[in-house]
Amino acid sequence: MFKQYKKLWLGLIVLILLSPLGLIATGTAFGEWSTEELITEVGFIPQGLERMADFWSHAPMSDYAVPGLEGSFLSSAGGYIISAVVGIALVVGVFALFSKIVKE
């Protein structure tokens, strides 16, 4: 699987390494608004979002930070990279599982 999609994996590695660039951007990330920020950006809070806003209150890596390593730019960048690797691993794992199920 890795040899067949070598260019894809190289592209994903480049994107993983570039993910901390979001730390130097100003403002908030699109779509990652809190309910308070949503009011200022959009002007209202959709009913469903307001109802489910506190559903997931204990994120394992809140704000893409490694617990205990918050503070410096390098530790924040490491958290972004770890989050990207975990996200890609989860997506690849789900697709591999579905692929295996469909083949059978």
N, C-alpha and C. Protein backbone atom coordinates (compact mmCIF):
# COMPACT_ATOMS: atom_id res chain seq x y z
N MET A 1 0.83 -1.20 0.00
CA MET A 1 0.00 0.00 0.00
C MET A 1 0.87 1.26 0.00
N PHE A 2 1.98 1.21 0.72
CA PHE A 2 2.82 2.41 0.80
C PHE A 2 3.58 2.65 -0.49
N LYS A 3 4.08 1.58 -1.12
CA LYS A 3 4.84 1.74 -2.36
C LYS A 3 3.93 2.18 -3.51
N GLN A 4 2.71 1.70 -3.51
CA GLN A 4 1.78 2.01 -4.59
C GLN A 4 1.38 3.49 -4.58
N TYR A 5 1.31 4.09 -3.41
CA TYR A 5 0.88 5.48 -3.27
C TYR A 5 2.01 6.36 -2.74
N LYS A 6 3.21 6.17 -3.23
CA LYS A 6 4.39 6.88 -2.72
C LYS A 6 4.23 8.40 -2.81
N LYS A 7 3.74 8.90 -3.94
CA LYS A 7 3.57 10.35 -4.11
C LYS A 7 2.52 10.90 -3.15
N LEU A 8 1.47 10.14 -2.91
CA LEU A 8 0.43 10.56 -1.97
C LEU A 8 1.02 10.69 -0.57
N TRP A 9 1.78 9.70 -0.13
CA TRP A 9 2.38 9.72 1.20
C TRP A 9 3.37 10.87 1.33
N LEU A 10 4.16 11.11 0.30
CA LEU A 10 5.10 12.24 0.34
C LEU A 10 4.35 13.56 0.45
N GLY A 11 3.25 13.70 -0.29
CA GLY A 11 2.43 14.90 -0.21
C GLY A 11 1.83 15.08 1.17
N LEU A 12 1.36 13.99 1.77
CA LEU A 12 0.80 14.07 3.12
C LEU A 12 1.86 14.45 4.15
N ILE A 13 3.07 13.93 3.98
CA ILE A 13 4.16 14.28 4.91
C ILE A 13 4.48 15.77 4.80
N VAL A 14 4.49 16.29 3.58
CA VAL A 14 4.74 17.73 3.40
C VAL A 14 3.64 18.54 4.07
N LEU A 15 2.39 18.14 3.89
CA LEU A 15 1.28 18.86 4.52
C LEU A 15 1.33 18.77 6.04
N ILE A 16 1.73 17.61 6.55
CA ILE A 16 1.89 17.46 8.01
C ILE A 16 2.93 18.45 8.52
N LEU A 17 4.06 18.53 7.83
CA LEU A 17 5.13 19.41 8.28
C LEU A 17 4.76 20.89 8.12
N LEU A 18 3.86 21.20 7.19
CA LEU A 18 3.42 22.58 7.00
C LEU A 18 2.26 22.98 7.91
N SER A 19 1.65 22.02 8.59
CA SER A 19 0.47 22.32 9.41
C SER A 19 0.72 23.37 10.50
N PRO A 20 1.91 23.48 11.09
CA PRO A 20 2.11 24.53 12.10
C PRO A 20 2.09 25.95 11.55
N LEU A 21 2.03 26.12 10.24
CA LEU A 21 1.94 27.47 9.69
C LEU A 21 0.69 28.19 10.18
N GLY A 22 -0.31 27.45 10.58
CA GLY A 22 -1.52 28.04 11.12
C GLY A 22 -1.27 28.81 12.40
N LEU A 23 -0.16 28.53 13.07
CA LEU A 23 0.16 29.23 14.31
C LEU A 23 0.55 30.68 14.08
N ILE A 24 1.08 30.98 12.89
CA ILE A 24 1.50 32.36 12.63
C ILE A 24 0.42 33.18 11.96
N ALA A 25 -0.70 32.54 11.62
CA ALA A 25 -1.82 33.25 11.00
C ALA A 25 -2.55 34.09 12.06
N THR A 26 -3.13 35.18 11.61
CA THR A 26 -3.91 36.02 12.52
C THR A 26 -5.38 35.63 12.47
N GLY A 27 -6.11 35.96 13.50
CA GLY A 27 -7.53 35.66 13.54
C GLY A 27 -7.80 34.23 13.95
N THR A 28 -9.02 33.78 13.69
CA THR A 28 -9.41 32.42 14.06
C THR A 28 -9.46 31.54 12.83
N ALA A 29 -9.35 30.25 13.05
CA ALA A 29 -9.43 29.30 11.94
C ALA A 29 -10.89 29.17 11.50
N PHE A 30 -11.12 29.12 10.20
CA PHE A 30 -12.48 29.02 9.68
C PHE A 30 -13.14 27.74 10.18
N GLY A 31 -14.31 27.87 10.75
CA GLY A 31 -15.08 26.72 11.20
C GLY A 31 -14.70 26.21 12.58
N GLU A 32 -13.71 26.80 13.22
CA GLU A 32 -13.31 26.37 14.56
C GLU A 32 -13.71 27.41 15.60
N TRP A 33 -14.83 28.04 15.38
CA TRP A 33 -15.27 29.11 16.26
C TRP A 33 -15.99 28.56 17.47
N SER A 34 -15.81 29.23 18.59
CA SER A 34 -16.63 28.95 19.77
C SER A 34 -17.99 29.61 19.53
N THR A 35 -18.93 29.35 20.41
CA THR A 35 -20.25 29.96 20.22
C THR A 35 -20.17 31.49 20.33
N GLU A 36 -19.26 31.98 21.18
CA GLU A 36 -19.09 33.44 21.30
C GLU A 36 -18.52 34.03 20.01
N GLU A 37 -17.52 33.36 19.44
CA GLU A 37 -16.93 33.83 18.19
C GLU A 37 -17.91 33.72 17.04
N LEU A 38 -18.76 32.69 17.07
CA LEU A 38 -19.73 32.49 16.00
C LEU A 38 -20.72 33.65 15.94
N ILE A 39 -21.11 34.15 17.08
CA ILE A 39 -22.04 35.29 17.10
C ILE A 39 -21.40 36.49 16.42
N THR A 40 -20.12 36.76 16.68
CA THR A 40 -19.47 37.92 16.06
C THR A 40 -19.18 37.68 14.59
N GLU A 41 -18.89 36.44 14.19
CA GLU A 41 -18.57 36.15 12.78
C GLU A 41 -19.82 36.05 11.91
N VAL A 42 -20.84 35.36 12.40
CA VAL A 42 -22.02 35.07 11.58
C VAL A 42 -23.23 35.89 12.02
N GLY A 43 -23.32 36.19 13.30
CA GLY A 43 -24.43 36.98 13.80
C GLY A 43 -25.46 36.19 14.58
N PHE A 44 -25.39 34.87 14.55
CA PHE A 44 -26.33 34.06 15.31
C PHE A 44 -25.72 32.68 15.54
N ILE A 45 -26.35 31.89 16.41
CA ILE A 45 -25.92 30.51 16.65
C ILE A 45 -27.05 29.60 16.20
N PRO A 46 -26.81 28.68 15.27
CA PRO A 46 -27.85 27.74 14.87
C PRO A 46 -28.32 26.91 16.07
N GLN A 47 -29.60 26.57 16.09
CA GLN A 47 -30.19 25.88 17.24
C GLN A 47 -29.48 24.57 17.55
N GLY A 48 -29.20 23.78 16.54
CA GLY A 48 -28.54 22.49 16.76
C GLY A 48 -27.16 22.65 17.34
N LEU A 49 -26.43 23.63 16.86
CA LEU A 49 -25.08 23.87 17.38
C LEU A 49 -25.14 24.35 18.82
N GLU A 50 -26.09 25.20 19.11
CA GLU A 50 -26.23 25.70 20.47
C GLU A 50 -26.57 24.56 21.43
N ARG A 51 -27.39 23.64 20.98
CA ARG A 51 -27.80 22.50 21.80
C ARG A 51 -26.64 21.54 22.03
N MET A 52 -25.78 21.36 21.02
CA MET A 52 -24.70 20.37 21.09
C MET A 52 -23.33 20.98 21.37
N ALA A 53 -23.25 22.27 21.68
CA ALA A 53 -21.97 22.96 21.83
C ALA A 53 -21.11 22.36 22.94
N ASP A 54 -21.70 21.88 24.00
CA ASP A 54 -20.93 21.34 25.12
C ASP A 54 -20.91 19.82 25.14
N PHE A 55 -21.26 19.19 24.02
CA PHE A 55 -21.32 17.73 23.97
C PHE A 55 -19.95 17.11 24.21
N TRP A 56 -18.91 17.65 23.56
CA TRP A 56 -17.56 17.10 23.68
C TRP A 56 -16.72 18.11 24.45
N SER A 57 -16.69 17.97 25.75
CA SER A 57 -16.00 18.96 26.56
C SER A 57 -14.60 18.53 26.98
N HIS A 58 -14.23 17.28 26.75
CA HIS A 58 -12.92 16.79 27.19
C HIS A 58 -12.14 16.25 25.99
N ALA A 59 -11.65 17.14 25.16
CA ALA A 59 -10.86 16.73 24.00
C ALA A 59 -9.49 16.26 24.47
N PRO A 60 -8.98 15.15 23.90
CA PRO A 60 -7.67 14.65 24.33
C PRO A 60 -6.53 15.63 24.03
N MET A 61 -6.63 16.37 22.94
CA MET A 61 -5.60 17.36 22.59
C MET A 61 -6.28 18.68 22.28
N SER A 62 -6.83 19.30 23.29
CA SER A 62 -7.54 20.55 23.12
C SER A 62 -6.63 21.61 22.50
N ASP A 63 -7.12 22.32 21.51
CA ASP A 63 -6.37 23.36 20.80
C ASP A 63 -5.10 22.82 20.15
N TYR A 64 -5.09 21.54 19.79
CA TYR A 64 -3.95 20.89 19.12
C TYR A 64 -2.69 20.90 19.97
N ALA A 65 -2.82 20.98 21.27
CA ALA A 65 -1.66 21.05 22.15
C ALA A 65 -1.45 19.72 22.85
N VAL A 66 -0.19 19.36 23.05
CA VAL A 66 0.15 18.17 23.82
C VAL A 66 0.02 18.54 25.29
N PRO A 67 -0.79 17.81 26.06
CA PRO A 67 -0.97 18.15 27.47
C PRO A 67 0.38 18.20 28.21
N GLY A 68 0.60 19.31 28.88
CA GLY A 68 1.83 19.50 29.63
C GLY A 68 2.94 20.19 28.86
N LEU A 69 2.77 20.36 27.55
CA LEU A 69 3.81 20.99 26.73
C LEU A 69 3.33 22.27 26.08
N GLU A 70 2.33 22.92 26.64
CA GLU A 70 1.83 24.16 26.07
C GLU A 70 2.79 25.30 26.37
N GLY A 71 2.78 26.30 25.54
CA GLY A 71 3.56 27.49 25.85
C GLY A 71 4.43 27.97 24.71
N SER A 72 5.47 27.24 24.38
CA SER A 72 6.39 27.72 23.35
C SER A 72 5.89 27.39 21.95
N PHE A 73 6.46 28.08 20.98
CA PHE A 73 6.08 27.85 19.59
C PHE A 73 6.42 26.43 19.15
N LEU A 74 7.58 25.92 19.55
CA LEU A 74 8.00 24.58 19.14
C LEU A 74 7.09 23.50 19.72
N SER A 75 6.67 23.65 20.97
CA SER A 75 5.77 22.65 21.53
C SER A 75 4.38 22.74 20.88
N SER A 76 3.96 23.95 20.56
CA SER A 76 2.67 24.11 19.84
C SER A 76 2.76 23.50 18.45
N ALA A 77 3.89 23.73 17.77
CA ALA A 77 4.08 23.14 16.44
C ALA A 77 4.09 21.63 16.53
N GLY A 78 4.72 21.08 17.57
CA GLY A 78 4.71 19.64 17.77
C GLY A 78 3.31 19.10 17.97
N GLY A 79 2.48 19.85 18.69
CA GLY A 79 1.09 19.44 18.88
C GLY A 79 0.32 19.42 17.57
N TYR A 80 0.55 20.41 16.71
CA TYR A 80 -0.09 20.45 15.40
C TYR A 80 0.34 19.24 14.57
N ILE A 81 1.62 18.93 14.60
CA ILE A 81 2.13 17.80 13.81
C ILE A 81 1.58 16.48 14.34
N ILE A 82 1.57 16.32 15.65
CA ILE A 82 1.01 15.09 16.24
C ILE A 82 -0.47 14.96 15.91
N SER A 83 -1.21 16.06 15.99
CA SER A 83 -2.63 16.04 15.64
C SER A 83 -2.84 15.63 14.19
N ALA A 84 -2.00 16.15 13.30
CA ALA A 84 -2.10 15.80 11.88
C ALA A 84 -1.82 14.32 11.66
N VAL A 85 -0.79 13.80 12.32
CA VAL A 85 -0.44 12.38 12.17
C VAL A 85 -1.56 11.50 12.70
N VAL A 86 -2.10 11.85 13.87
CA VAL A 86 -3.20 11.07 14.44
C VAL A 86 -4.43 11.12 13.53
N GLY A 87 -4.75 12.30 13.02
CA GLY A 87 -5.91 12.43 12.12
C GLY A 87 -5.74 11.62 10.85
N ILE A 88 -4.57 11.68 10.25
CA ILE A 88 -4.33 10.91 9.03
C ILE A 88 -4.36 9.42 9.33
N ALA A 89 -3.78 9.00 10.46
CA ALA A 89 -3.79 7.59 10.83
C ALA A 89 -5.23 7.09 11.03
N LEU A 90 -6.07 7.90 11.65
CA LEU A 90 -7.47 7.50 11.84
C LEU A 90 -8.21 7.37 10.51
N VAL A 91 -8.01 8.34 9.63
CA VAL A 91 -8.69 8.30 8.33
C VAL A 91 -8.20 7.10 7.51
N VAL A 92 -6.90 6.87 7.48
CA VAL A 92 -6.35 5.73 6.74
C VAL A 92 -6.87 4.43 7.34
N GLY A 93 -6.92 4.36 8.68
CA GLY A 93 -7.42 3.15 9.33
C GLY A 93 -8.87 2.86 8.99
N VAL A 94 -9.70 3.89 8.99
CA VAL A 94 -11.12 3.70 8.65
C VAL A 94 -11.27 3.26 7.20
N PHE A 95 -10.53 3.91 6.28
CA PHE A 95 -10.60 3.51 4.88
C PHE A 95 -10.08 2.09 4.67
N ALA A 96 -9.03 1.70 5.37
CA ALA A 96 -8.50 0.34 5.25
C ALA A 96 -9.53 -0.67 5.75
N LEU A 97 -10.19 -0.34 6.85
CA LEU A 97 -11.22 -1.22 7.39
C LEU A 97 -12.39 -1.36 6.40
N PHE A 98 -12.88 -0.23 5.89
CA PHE A 98 -13.97 -0.29 4.91
C PHE A 98 -13.55 -1.04 3.65
N SER A 99 -12.32 -0.83 3.20
CA SER A 99 -11.82 -1.52 2.02
C SER A 99 -11.80 -3.02 2.24
N LYS A 100 -11.37 -3.44 3.42
CA LYS A 100 -11.32 -4.86 3.74
C LYS A 100 -12.73 -5.45 3.79
N ILE A 101 -13.67 -4.70 4.36
CA ILE A 101 -15.05 -5.18 4.46
C ILE A 101 -15.66 -5.31 3.06
N VAL A 102 -15.42 -4.32 2.20
CA VAL A 102 -16.00 -4.33 0.86
C VAL A 102 -15.41 -5.47 0.01
N LYS A 103 -14.13 -5.73 0.17
CA LYS A 103 -13.48 -6.80 -0.61
C LYS A 103 -14.03 -8.17 -0.25
N GLU A 104 -14.42 -8.34 1.00
CA GLU A 104 -14.97 -9.63 1.44
C GLU A 104 -16.38 -9.73 0.98
